[in-house]
N, C-alpha and C. Protein backbone atom coordinates (compact mmCIF):
# COMPACT_ATOMS: atom_id res chain seq x y z
N MET A 1 83.47 67.08 167.92
CA MET A 1 83.80 67.05 166.51
C MET A 1 84.54 68.33 166.14
N SER A 2 85.59 68.20 165.37
CA SER A 2 86.35 69.39 165.02
C SER A 2 85.60 70.20 163.97
N GLU A 3 85.83 71.50 164.00
CA GLU A 3 85.16 72.38 163.06
C GLU A 3 85.72 72.18 161.65
N LEU A 4 84.84 72.19 160.69
CA LEU A 4 85.24 72.01 159.30
C LEU A 4 85.98 73.24 158.83
N ILE A 5 87.18 73.03 158.32
CA ILE A 5 87.98 74.14 157.83
C ILE A 5 87.89 74.16 156.31
N LYS A 6 87.32 75.23 155.78
CA LYS A 6 87.19 75.37 154.34
C LYS A 6 88.24 76.36 153.86
N GLU A 7 88.97 75.97 152.83
CA GLU A 7 89.98 76.84 152.24
C GLU A 7 89.52 77.27 150.86
N ALA A 8 89.68 78.55 150.56
CA ALA A 8 89.36 79.04 149.22
C ALA A 8 90.41 78.52 148.24
N ILE A 9 89.96 78.13 147.05
CA ILE A 9 90.89 77.68 146.02
C ILE A 9 90.56 78.40 144.71
N GLU A 10 91.58 78.53 143.88
CA GLU A 10 91.41 79.11 142.55
C GLU A 10 90.97 78.01 141.60
N VAL A 11 89.91 78.26 140.86
CA VAL A 11 89.44 77.30 139.86
C VAL A 11 89.34 78.05 138.54
N GLU A 12 90.09 77.57 137.56
CA GLU A 12 90.14 78.22 136.26
C GLU A 12 88.75 78.25 135.62
N GLY A 13 88.32 79.44 135.20
CA GLY A 13 87.04 79.60 134.53
C GLY A 13 85.85 79.81 135.46
N ALA A 14 86.07 79.74 136.76
CA ALA A 14 84.97 79.88 137.71
C ALA A 14 84.53 81.33 137.84
N THR A 15 83.23 81.54 138.12
CA THR A 15 82.70 82.89 138.33
C THR A 15 82.20 83.09 139.76
N VAL A 16 82.30 82.05 140.58
CA VAL A 16 81.95 82.14 142.01
C VAL A 16 83.11 81.56 142.82
N PRO A 17 83.18 81.87 144.11
CA PRO A 17 84.25 81.30 144.93
C PRO A 17 84.11 79.79 145.09
N PHE A 18 85.24 79.12 145.10
CA PHE A 18 85.29 77.68 145.35
C PHE A 18 86.04 77.45 146.65
N PHE A 19 85.63 76.43 147.39
CA PHE A 19 86.27 76.09 148.66
C PHE A 19 86.57 74.60 148.67
N THR A 20 87.59 74.23 149.41
CA THR A 20 87.90 72.81 149.57
C THR A 20 88.00 72.48 151.04
N TYR A 21 87.62 71.25 151.38
CA TYR A 21 87.75 70.74 152.74
C TYR A 21 87.84 69.23 152.66
N THR A 22 88.30 68.61 153.73
CA THR A 22 88.47 67.17 153.75
C THR A 22 87.65 66.57 154.88
N LEU A 23 86.89 65.53 154.56
CA LEU A 23 86.16 64.75 155.54
C LEU A 23 86.63 63.31 155.40
N GLU A 24 87.10 62.75 156.51
CA GLU A 24 87.71 61.43 156.49
C GLU A 24 88.81 61.42 155.43
N ASP A 25 88.72 60.57 154.43
CA ASP A 25 89.80 60.53 153.42
C ASP A 25 89.37 61.16 152.10
N THR A 26 88.30 61.93 152.11
CA THR A 26 87.77 62.48 150.87
C THR A 26 87.93 63.99 150.84
N GLN A 27 88.43 64.49 149.71
CA GLN A 27 88.55 65.93 149.50
C GLN A 27 87.27 66.40 148.81
N TYR A 28 86.65 67.44 149.37
CA TYR A 28 85.45 68.02 148.78
C TYR A 28 85.80 69.38 148.18
N ILE A 29 85.25 69.64 147.01
CA ILE A 29 85.43 70.92 146.33
C ILE A 29 84.02 71.49 146.18
N GLU A 30 83.74 72.60 146.84
CA GLU A 30 82.37 73.10 146.94
C GLU A 30 82.23 74.50 146.37
N PHE A 31 81.08 74.74 145.74
CA PHE A 31 80.74 76.08 145.26
C PHE A 31 79.24 76.28 145.38
N ASP A 32 78.82 77.55 145.38
CA ASP A 32 77.42 77.90 145.56
C ASP A 32 76.99 78.82 144.42
N THR A 33 76.10 78.32 143.57
CA THR A 33 75.56 79.15 142.47
C THR A 33 74.08 79.43 142.69
N SER A 34 73.62 79.33 143.94
CA SER A 34 72.19 79.48 144.21
C SER A 34 71.67 80.89 143.96
N LYS A 35 72.55 81.87 143.92
CA LYS A 35 72.13 83.24 143.66
C LYS A 35 72.46 83.67 142.22
N CYS A 36 72.91 82.74 141.41
CA CYS A 36 73.33 83.04 140.04
C CYS A 36 72.26 82.60 139.04
N GLY A 37 72.23 83.30 137.92
CA GLY A 37 71.38 82.86 136.82
C GLY A 37 72.22 82.19 135.77
N PRO A 38 71.56 81.58 134.78
CA PRO A 38 72.31 80.94 133.70
C PRO A 38 73.20 81.96 133.00
N PRO A 39 74.37 81.59 132.54
CA PRO A 39 74.89 80.22 132.50
C PRO A 39 75.81 79.87 133.67
N ASP A 40 75.84 80.70 134.73
CA ASP A 40 76.81 80.50 135.81
C ASP A 40 76.80 79.12 136.46
N PRO A 41 75.63 78.52 136.77
CA PRO A 41 75.69 77.18 137.38
C PRO A 41 76.40 76.17 136.48
N MET A 42 76.10 76.18 135.19
CA MET A 42 76.74 75.25 134.25
C MET A 42 78.24 75.55 134.14
N VAL A 43 78.59 76.81 133.98
CA VAL A 43 80.00 77.21 133.82
C VAL A 43 80.81 76.76 135.03
N ASN A 44 80.31 77.01 136.23
CA ASN A 44 81.05 76.67 137.44
C ASN A 44 81.08 75.17 137.70
N ALA A 45 79.99 74.48 137.39
CA ALA A 45 79.99 73.03 137.54
C ALA A 45 81.04 72.40 136.63
N MET A 46 81.10 72.84 135.39
CA MET A 46 82.08 72.30 134.45
C MET A 46 83.51 72.59 134.93
N ALA A 47 83.72 73.80 135.44
CA ALA A 47 85.05 74.17 135.95
C ALA A 47 85.43 73.28 137.14
N GLY A 48 84.49 73.06 138.05
CA GLY A 48 84.76 72.23 139.22
C GLY A 48 84.95 70.77 138.87
N LEU A 49 84.16 70.28 137.93
CA LEU A 49 84.25 68.86 137.58
C LEU A 49 85.58 68.52 136.91
N LYS A 50 86.25 69.51 136.34
CA LYS A 50 87.58 69.26 135.75
C LYS A 50 88.58 68.83 136.83
N LEU A 51 88.30 69.16 138.08
CA LEU A 51 89.19 68.81 139.19
C LEU A 51 88.89 67.42 139.75
N LEU A 52 87.80 66.82 139.31
CA LEU A 52 87.36 65.53 139.84
C LEU A 52 88.03 64.41 139.06
N ASP A 53 89.19 63.96 139.57
CA ASP A 53 89.99 63.01 138.81
C ASP A 53 90.34 61.73 139.56
N THR A 54 89.85 61.60 140.78
CA THR A 54 90.10 60.38 141.56
C THR A 54 88.87 60.07 142.42
N PRO A 55 88.72 58.81 142.83
CA PRO A 55 87.57 58.44 143.66
C PRO A 55 87.53 59.13 145.02
N ASN A 56 88.65 59.65 145.51
CA ASN A 56 88.64 60.29 146.83
C ASN A 56 88.45 61.80 146.76
N LYS A 57 87.86 62.27 145.66
CA LYS A 57 87.46 63.67 145.53
C LYS A 57 85.99 63.72 145.18
N LYS A 58 85.31 64.75 145.67
CA LYS A 58 83.91 64.96 145.31
C LYS A 58 83.70 66.45 145.07
N VAL A 59 82.79 66.77 144.16
CA VAL A 59 82.44 68.16 143.89
C VAL A 59 81.03 68.39 144.44
N VAL A 60 80.89 69.44 145.25
CA VAL A 60 79.61 69.78 145.87
C VAL A 60 79.10 71.08 145.25
N MET A 61 77.90 71.03 144.70
CA MET A 61 77.27 72.19 144.07
C MET A 61 76.02 72.54 144.87
N ILE A 62 75.93 73.80 145.31
CA ILE A 62 74.72 74.29 145.95
C ILE A 62 74.05 75.18 144.90
N ASN A 63 72.79 74.90 144.59
CA ASN A 63 72.10 75.66 143.55
C ASN A 63 70.66 75.93 143.99
N HIS A 64 70.01 76.86 143.31
CA HIS A 64 68.64 77.21 143.68
C HIS A 64 67.64 76.14 143.25
N LYS A 65 68.02 75.30 142.28
CA LYS A 65 67.16 74.20 141.84
C LYS A 65 68.05 73.13 141.20
N SER A 66 67.47 72.00 140.93
CA SER A 66 68.21 70.94 140.27
C SER A 66 68.60 71.41 138.87
N PRO A 67 69.88 71.33 138.51
CA PRO A 67 70.33 71.83 137.21
C PRO A 67 70.09 70.81 136.09
N GLY A 68 68.85 70.78 135.58
CA GLY A 68 68.46 69.79 134.59
C GLY A 68 69.36 69.73 133.37
N GLY A 69 69.73 70.89 132.83
CA GLY A 69 70.58 70.91 131.64
C GLY A 69 71.94 70.29 131.92
N LEU A 70 72.50 70.59 133.07
CA LEU A 70 73.80 70.03 133.45
C LEU A 70 73.70 68.51 133.62
N LEU A 71 72.68 68.07 134.33
CA LEU A 71 72.54 66.64 134.58
C LEU A 71 72.30 65.87 133.28
N ALA A 72 71.57 66.46 132.36
CA ALA A 72 71.34 65.81 131.06
C ALA A 72 72.65 65.66 130.30
N LYS A 73 73.54 66.65 130.47
CA LYS A 73 74.79 66.67 129.71
C LYS A 73 75.84 65.71 130.28
N ILE A 74 75.99 65.67 131.61
CA ILE A 74 77.10 64.91 132.19
C ILE A 74 76.64 63.87 133.22
N GLY A 75 75.35 63.67 133.35
CA GLY A 75 74.81 62.77 134.37
C GLY A 75 75.34 61.36 134.30
N GLU A 76 75.58 60.84 133.10
CA GLU A 76 76.05 59.46 132.98
C GLU A 76 77.54 59.33 133.28
N ASN A 77 78.25 60.45 133.38
CA ASN A 77 79.69 60.43 133.59
C ASN A 77 80.09 60.47 135.07
N TYR A 78 79.14 60.71 135.95
CA TYR A 78 79.44 60.85 137.38
C TYR A 78 78.35 60.17 138.19
N ASP A 79 78.70 59.74 139.40
CA ASP A 79 77.69 59.34 140.37
C ASP A 79 77.24 60.63 141.05
N ILE A 80 75.94 60.86 141.11
CA ILE A 80 75.43 62.13 141.61
C ILE A 80 74.35 61.86 142.65
N THR A 81 74.48 62.51 143.80
CA THR A 81 73.41 62.48 144.79
C THR A 81 72.84 63.89 144.88
N GLU A 82 71.55 63.97 145.11
CA GLU A 82 70.87 65.26 145.20
C GLU A 82 70.09 65.30 146.50
N GLU A 83 70.22 66.42 147.20
CA GLU A 83 69.57 66.57 148.50
C GLU A 83 68.93 67.95 148.55
N LYS A 84 67.68 68.01 148.97
CA LYS A 84 67.01 69.30 149.12
C LYS A 84 67.36 69.86 150.50
N LEU A 85 67.85 71.08 150.53
CA LEU A 85 68.22 71.71 151.80
C LEU A 85 66.99 72.36 152.44
N GLU A 86 67.07 72.61 153.73
CA GLU A 86 65.94 73.18 154.46
C GLU A 86 65.48 74.51 153.90
N ASP A 87 66.42 75.29 153.35
CA ASP A 87 66.06 76.61 152.83
C ASP A 87 65.56 76.57 151.38
N GLY A 88 65.38 75.35 150.84
CA GLY A 88 64.84 75.22 149.49
C GLY A 88 65.89 75.04 148.41
N ARG A 89 67.14 75.33 148.74
CA ARG A 89 68.20 75.12 147.75
C ARG A 89 68.46 73.63 147.59
N VAL A 90 69.23 73.29 146.57
CA VAL A 90 69.55 71.91 146.27
C VAL A 90 71.06 71.72 146.39
N LYS A 91 71.46 70.62 147.03
CA LYS A 91 72.88 70.27 147.16
C LYS A 91 73.12 69.03 146.32
N LEU A 92 74.02 69.14 145.36
CA LEU A 92 74.39 67.99 144.54
C LEU A 92 75.82 67.62 144.85
N VAL A 93 76.07 66.32 144.97
CA VAL A 93 77.42 65.83 145.19
C VAL A 93 77.79 64.93 144.01
N PHE A 94 78.82 65.35 143.28
CA PHE A 94 79.30 64.62 142.12
C PHE A 94 80.50 63.78 142.54
N SER A 95 80.45 62.50 142.22
CA SER A 95 81.55 61.59 142.55
C SER A 95 82.14 61.02 141.27
N TYR A 96 83.41 60.77 141.33
CA TYR A 96 84.16 60.20 140.21
C TYR A 96 83.62 58.81 139.87
N LYS A 97 83.48 58.55 138.60
CA LYS A 97 83.00 57.25 138.11
C LYS A 97 84.07 56.73 137.17
N SER A 98 84.82 55.75 137.62
CA SER A 98 85.95 55.24 136.85
C SER A 98 85.53 54.79 135.46
N GLY A 99 86.27 55.25 134.47
CA GLY A 99 85.99 54.87 133.10
C GLY A 99 84.93 55.72 132.43
N GLU A 100 84.16 56.50 133.22
CA GLU A 100 83.11 57.34 132.66
C GLU A 100 83.43 58.82 132.81
N SER A 101 83.98 59.21 133.97
CA SER A 101 84.25 60.62 134.22
C SER A 101 85.21 61.19 133.19
N GLU A 102 86.13 60.34 132.72
CA GLU A 102 87.11 60.81 131.73
C GLU A 102 86.45 61.17 130.40
N LYS A 103 85.26 60.63 130.15
CA LYS A 103 84.57 60.85 128.88
C LYS A 103 83.71 62.11 128.87
N ALA A 104 83.53 62.73 130.01
CA ALA A 104 82.65 63.90 130.09
C ALA A 104 83.21 65.04 129.25
N ASN A 105 82.35 65.69 128.48
CA ASN A 105 82.76 66.84 127.68
C ASN A 105 82.59 68.09 128.55
N LEU A 106 83.68 68.46 129.22
CA LEU A 106 83.62 69.60 130.13
C LEU A 106 84.00 70.90 129.45
N ALA A 107 84.33 70.84 128.17
CA ALA A 107 84.67 72.06 127.46
C ALA A 107 83.42 72.81 127.03
N ASP A 108 82.34 72.09 126.77
CA ASP A 108 81.09 72.70 126.32
C ASP A 108 80.26 73.05 127.54
N ASN A 109 80.38 74.28 128.02
CA ASN A 109 79.69 74.63 129.25
C ASN A 109 78.44 75.47 128.99
N SER A 110 77.83 75.31 127.82
CA SER A 110 76.58 75.99 127.54
C SER A 110 75.43 75.00 127.73
N CYS A 111 74.24 75.49 127.87
CA CYS A 111 73.08 74.62 128.09
C CYS A 111 72.53 74.07 126.77
N GLY A 112 72.94 74.63 125.66
CA GLY A 112 72.39 74.23 124.37
C GLY A 112 72.85 72.86 123.91
N GLY A 113 72.37 72.45 122.77
CA GLY A 113 72.72 71.15 122.21
C GLY A 113 74.10 71.17 121.60
N HIS A 114 74.43 70.13 120.85
CA HIS A 114 75.77 70.01 120.26
C HIS A 114 75.92 70.88 119.05
């Protein structure tokens, strides 16, 4: 199996490094906020999700725990899988949901209400 090549990419508004790689026909955009406190996980997730505009792209978030505030805000707009990693961190994979992802309010990147 060939080694996964991750390339750093610039993501507007991000406070952590973002990387992209391709597996089969899918482009993954990945970031790690597991060492960050609020509001960084929400800010970076919103920045990354702005790039999720087709079914062949996915956003991968590595975090220290499941981001409840984020999921409450945009959970219905994306297909999301959550996996607990061996080291205790959580890996979330956000997938484009046709007709729903376009409705996500990605401008409001705070954890508070409306």
